[in-house]
Amino acid sequence: MEDFLINIVRQMVDDPDQVSVEVAENENNTVLRLSVAPDDMGRVIGREGRVAKALRTVVKAAFRNNPKPVYVDIVDKE
């Protein structure tokens, strides 16, 4: 799952080496925590969140047969 999201996001950003995904699972769902370089945050979120919404839609569709729902969170790099 995380490789799928990483491959998509690396094509969009200026600094692909800073793209990382952390997977958090519980009994109800799976959350992919996406982090990118601070300068690329705007590219990943997009105007009015359109790119972020599209990423979430693509991931949700790609893993619709997964037993648990998959969500994407975009987080600041720490």
N, C-alpha and C. Protein backbone atom coordinates (compact mmCIF):
# COMPACT_ATOMS: atom_id res chain seq x y z
N MET A 1 0.82 -1.20 0.00
CA MET A 1 0.00 0.00 0.00
C MET A 1 0.86 1.25 0.00
N GLU A 2 1.83 1.27 0.92
CA GLU A 2 2.63 2.48 1.02
C GLU A 2 3.46 2.72 -0.23
N ASP A 3 3.93 1.65 -0.89
CA ASP A 3 4.71 1.82 -2.12
C ASP A 3 3.86 2.43 -3.22
N PHE A 4 2.60 2.05 -3.30
CA PHE A 4 1.69 2.61 -4.29
C PHE A 4 1.57 4.13 -4.11
N LEU A 5 1.34 4.57 -2.88
CA LEU A 5 1.19 6.00 -2.60
C LEU A 5 2.50 6.74 -2.82
N ILE A 6 3.61 6.15 -2.39
CA ILE A 6 4.92 6.79 -2.58
C ILE A 6 5.21 7.01 -4.05
N ASN A 7 4.94 6.00 -4.88
CA ASN A 7 5.21 6.13 -6.32
C ASN A 7 4.39 7.24 -6.95
N ILE A 8 3.15 7.39 -6.55
CA ILE A 8 2.31 8.46 -7.10
C ILE A 8 2.84 9.83 -6.67
N VAL A 9 3.11 9.99 -5.39
CA VAL A 9 3.49 11.30 -4.86
C VAL A 9 4.87 11.72 -5.33
N ARG A 10 5.79 10.78 -5.48
CA ARG A 10 7.14 11.13 -5.96
C ARG A 10 7.12 11.77 -7.34
N GLN A 11 6.13 11.44 -8.15
CA GLN A 11 6.01 12.03 -9.48
C GLN A 11 5.53 13.48 -9.42
N MET A 12 4.94 13.88 -8.31
CA MET A 12 4.34 15.21 -8.18
C MET A 12 5.25 16.24 -7.55
N VAL A 13 6.21 15.84 -6.75
CA VAL A 13 6.96 16.77 -5.92
C VAL A 13 8.33 17.10 -6.51
N ASP A 14 8.94 18.17 -6.00
CA ASP A 14 10.28 18.58 -6.43
C ASP A 14 11.37 17.78 -5.72
N ASP A 15 11.10 17.32 -4.51
CA ASP A 15 12.09 16.59 -3.72
C ASP A 15 11.57 15.18 -3.39
N PRO A 16 11.67 14.25 -4.34
CA PRO A 16 11.08 12.92 -4.13
C PRO A 16 11.74 12.11 -3.02
N ASP A 17 12.97 12.46 -2.64
CA ASP A 17 13.64 11.72 -1.57
C ASP A 17 13.03 11.99 -0.20
N GLN A 18 12.28 13.07 -0.07
CA GLN A 18 11.67 13.43 1.21
C GLN A 18 10.28 12.81 1.41
N VAL A 19 9.79 12.10 0.42
CA VAL A 19 8.47 11.47 0.51
C VAL A 19 8.58 10.21 1.37
N SER A 20 7.71 10.12 2.37
CA SER A 20 7.67 8.90 3.19
C SER A 20 6.23 8.64 3.63
N VAL A 21 5.96 7.36 3.88
CA VAL A 21 4.63 6.95 4.31
C VAL A 21 4.78 6.03 5.50
N GLU A 22 4.03 6.33 6.54
CA GLU A 22 3.99 5.49 7.74
C GLU A 22 2.59 4.86 7.79
N VAL A 23 2.56 3.56 8.04
CA VAL A 23 1.29 2.84 8.09
C VAL A 23 0.88 2.64 9.54
N ALA A 24 -0.34 3.02 9.86
CA ALA A 24 -0.91 2.81 11.19
C ALA A 24 -2.19 2.00 11.03
N GLU A 25 -2.21 0.83 11.64
CA GLU A 25 -3.38 -0.04 11.53
C GLU A 25 -4.00 -0.27 12.89
N ASN A 26 -5.31 -0.36 12.91
CA ASN A 26 -6.02 -0.82 14.09
C ASN A 26 -7.09 -1.80 13.62
N GLU A 27 -7.95 -2.24 14.50
CA GLU A 27 -8.91 -3.26 14.09
C GLU A 27 -9.97 -2.75 13.12
N ASN A 28 -10.14 -1.43 13.02
CA ASN A 28 -11.20 -0.87 12.17
C ASN A 28 -10.72 -0.36 10.82
N ASN A 29 -9.48 0.15 10.73
CA ASN A 29 -9.03 0.75 9.49
C ASN A 29 -7.51 0.77 9.39
N THR A 30 -7.04 1.21 8.23
CA THR A 30 -5.62 1.41 7.97
C THR A 30 -5.43 2.86 7.56
N VAL A 31 -4.46 3.54 8.19
CA VAL A 31 -4.18 4.93 7.88
C VAL A 31 -2.76 5.03 7.33
N LEU A 32 -2.65 5.65 6.16
CA LEU A 32 -1.34 5.92 5.55
C LEU A 32 -1.00 7.37 5.85
N ARG A 33 0.04 7.60 6.64
CA ARG A 33 0.45 8.96 6.99
C ARG A 33 1.55 9.40 6.03
N LEU A 34 1.19 10.29 5.13
CA LEU A 34 2.08 10.78 4.10
C LEU A 34 2.79 12.04 4.57
N SER A 35 4.10 12.07 4.41
CA SER A 35 4.84 13.30 4.71
C SER A 35 5.77 13.61 3.54
N VAL A 36 5.88 14.89 3.24
CA VAL A 36 6.72 15.38 2.15
C VAL A 36 7.52 16.56 2.67
N ALA A 37 8.45 17.04 1.86
CA ALA A 37 9.23 18.23 2.22
C ALA A 37 8.29 19.41 2.40
N PRO A 38 8.62 20.33 3.31
CA PRO A 38 7.74 21.49 3.54
C PRO A 38 7.43 22.29 2.27
N ASP A 39 8.40 22.40 1.36
CA ASP A 39 8.17 23.16 0.13
C ASP A 39 7.21 22.45 -0.82
N ASP A 40 7.04 21.14 -0.67
CA ASP A 40 6.16 20.38 -1.55
C ASP A 40 4.76 20.18 -0.97
N MET A 41 4.54 20.65 0.22
CA MET A 41 3.25 20.45 0.88
C MET A 41 2.10 21.04 0.04
N GLY A 42 2.31 22.21 -0.53
CA GLY A 42 1.28 22.84 -1.35
C GLY A 42 0.94 22.04 -2.59
N ARG A 43 1.94 21.40 -3.18
CA ARG A 43 1.70 20.58 -4.37
C ARG A 43 0.85 19.37 -4.03
N VAL A 44 1.09 18.79 -2.87
CA VAL A 44 0.37 17.57 -2.48
C VAL A 44 -1.05 17.89 -2.04
N ILE A 45 -1.23 19.03 -1.40
CA ILE A 45 -2.58 19.41 -0.95
C ILE A 45 -3.37 20.01 -2.10
N GLY A 46 -2.75 20.88 -2.87
CA GLY A 46 -3.42 21.48 -4.01
C GLY A 46 -4.33 22.62 -3.62
N ARG A 47 -4.82 23.31 -4.62
CA ARG A 47 -5.72 24.43 -4.39
C ARG A 47 -7.04 23.91 -3.85
N GLU A 48 -7.44 24.43 -2.72
CA GLU A 48 -8.66 24.03 -2.00
C GLU A 48 -8.69 22.53 -1.70
N GLY A 49 -7.51 21.90 -1.61
CA GLY A 49 -7.44 20.49 -1.23
C GLY A 49 -7.80 19.52 -2.33
N ARG A 50 -7.83 19.98 -3.56
CA ARG A 50 -8.27 19.12 -4.66
C ARG A 50 -7.31 17.96 -4.92
N VAL A 51 -6.01 18.20 -4.87
CA VAL A 51 -5.04 17.13 -5.11
C VAL A 51 -5.10 16.11 -3.98
N ALA A 52 -5.19 16.58 -2.74
CA ALA A 52 -5.29 15.67 -1.61
C ALA A 52 -6.54 14.80 -1.72
N LYS A 53 -7.64 15.39 -2.12
CA LYS A 53 -8.88 14.64 -2.28
C LYS A 53 -8.73 13.59 -3.39
N ALA A 54 -8.07 13.97 -4.48
CA ALA A 54 -7.85 13.02 -5.57
C ALA A 54 -6.95 11.87 -5.13
N LEU A 55 -5.91 12.16 -4.37
CA LEU A 55 -5.03 11.10 -3.85
C LEU A 55 -5.82 10.14 -2.97
N ARG A 56 -6.65 10.68 -2.11
CA ARG A 56 -7.45 9.83 -1.22
C ARG A 56 -8.42 8.96 -2.03
N THR A 57 -9.00 9.52 -3.08
CA THR A 57 -9.92 8.77 -3.92
C THR A 57 -9.21 7.63 -4.64
N VAL A 58 -8.04 7.90 -5.18
CA VAL A 58 -7.28 6.88 -5.91
C VAL A 58 -6.86 5.75 -4.97
N VAL A 59 -6.37 6.09 -3.79
CA VAL A 59 -5.95 5.07 -2.83
C VAL A 59 -7.15 4.25 -2.38
N LYS A 60 -8.25 4.91 -2.11
CA LYS A 60 -9.46 4.20 -1.67
C LYS A 60 -9.94 3.24 -2.75
N ALA A 61 -9.88 3.68 -4.01
CA ALA A 61 -10.32 2.81 -5.11
C ALA A 61 -9.34 1.65 -5.33
N ALA A 62 -8.05 1.92 -5.21
CA ALA A 62 -7.05 0.88 -5.45
C ALA A 62 -7.14 -0.24 -4.41
N PHE A 63 -7.52 0.11 -3.19
CA PHE A 63 -7.56 -0.88 -2.12
C PHE A 63 -8.98 -1.13 -1.62
N ARG A 64 -9.95 -1.04 -2.50
CA ARG A 64 -11.34 -1.25 -2.12
C ARG A 64 -11.62 -2.68 -1.69
N ASN A 65 -10.80 -3.64 -2.14
CA ASN A 65 -10.98 -5.04 -1.74
C ASN A 65 -10.26 -5.39 -0.46
N ASN A 66 -9.57 -4.41 0.12
CA ASN A 66 -8.89 -4.62 1.40
C ASN A 66 -9.96 -4.85 2.48
N PRO A 67 -9.73 -5.77 3.42
CA PRO A 67 -10.75 -6.02 4.44
C PRO A 67 -11.08 -4.80 5.31
N LYS A 68 -10.11 -3.89 5.49
CA LYS A 68 -10.34 -2.67 6.28
C LYS A 68 -10.24 -1.46 5.36
N PRO A 69 -11.02 -0.41 5.61
CA PRO A 69 -10.89 0.80 4.80
C PRO A 69 -9.51 1.44 4.97
N VAL A 70 -9.03 2.05 3.89
CA VAL A 70 -7.71 2.68 3.88
C VAL A 70 -7.91 4.19 3.74
N TYR A 71 -7.27 4.95 4.63
CA TYR A 71 -7.34 6.41 4.63
C TYR A 71 -5.95 7.01 4.46
N VAL A 72 -5.87 8.22 3.91
CA VAL A 72 -4.61 8.93 3.73
C VAL A 72 -4.65 10.20 4.55
N ASP A 73 -3.65 10.38 5.42
CA ASP A 73 -3.46 11.62 6.17
C ASP A 73 -2.17 12.26 5.67
N ILE A 74 -2.21 13.56 5.46
CA ILE A 74 -1.02 14.30 5.07
C ILE A 74 -0.53 15.03 6.31
N VAL A 75 0.70 14.72 6.74
CA VAL A 75 1.23 15.25 7.99
C VAL A 75 2.49 16.05 7.72
N ASP A 76 2.82 16.97 8.64
CA ASP A 76 4.05 17.74 8.57
C ASP A 76 5.23 16.85 8.92
N LYS A 77 6.34 17.08 8.24
CA LYS A 77 7.57 16.35 8.59
C LYS A 77 8.08 16.84 9.92
N GLU A 78 8.44 15.91 10.75
CA GLU A 78 8.92 16.27 12.09
C GLU A 78 10.42 16.22 12.17
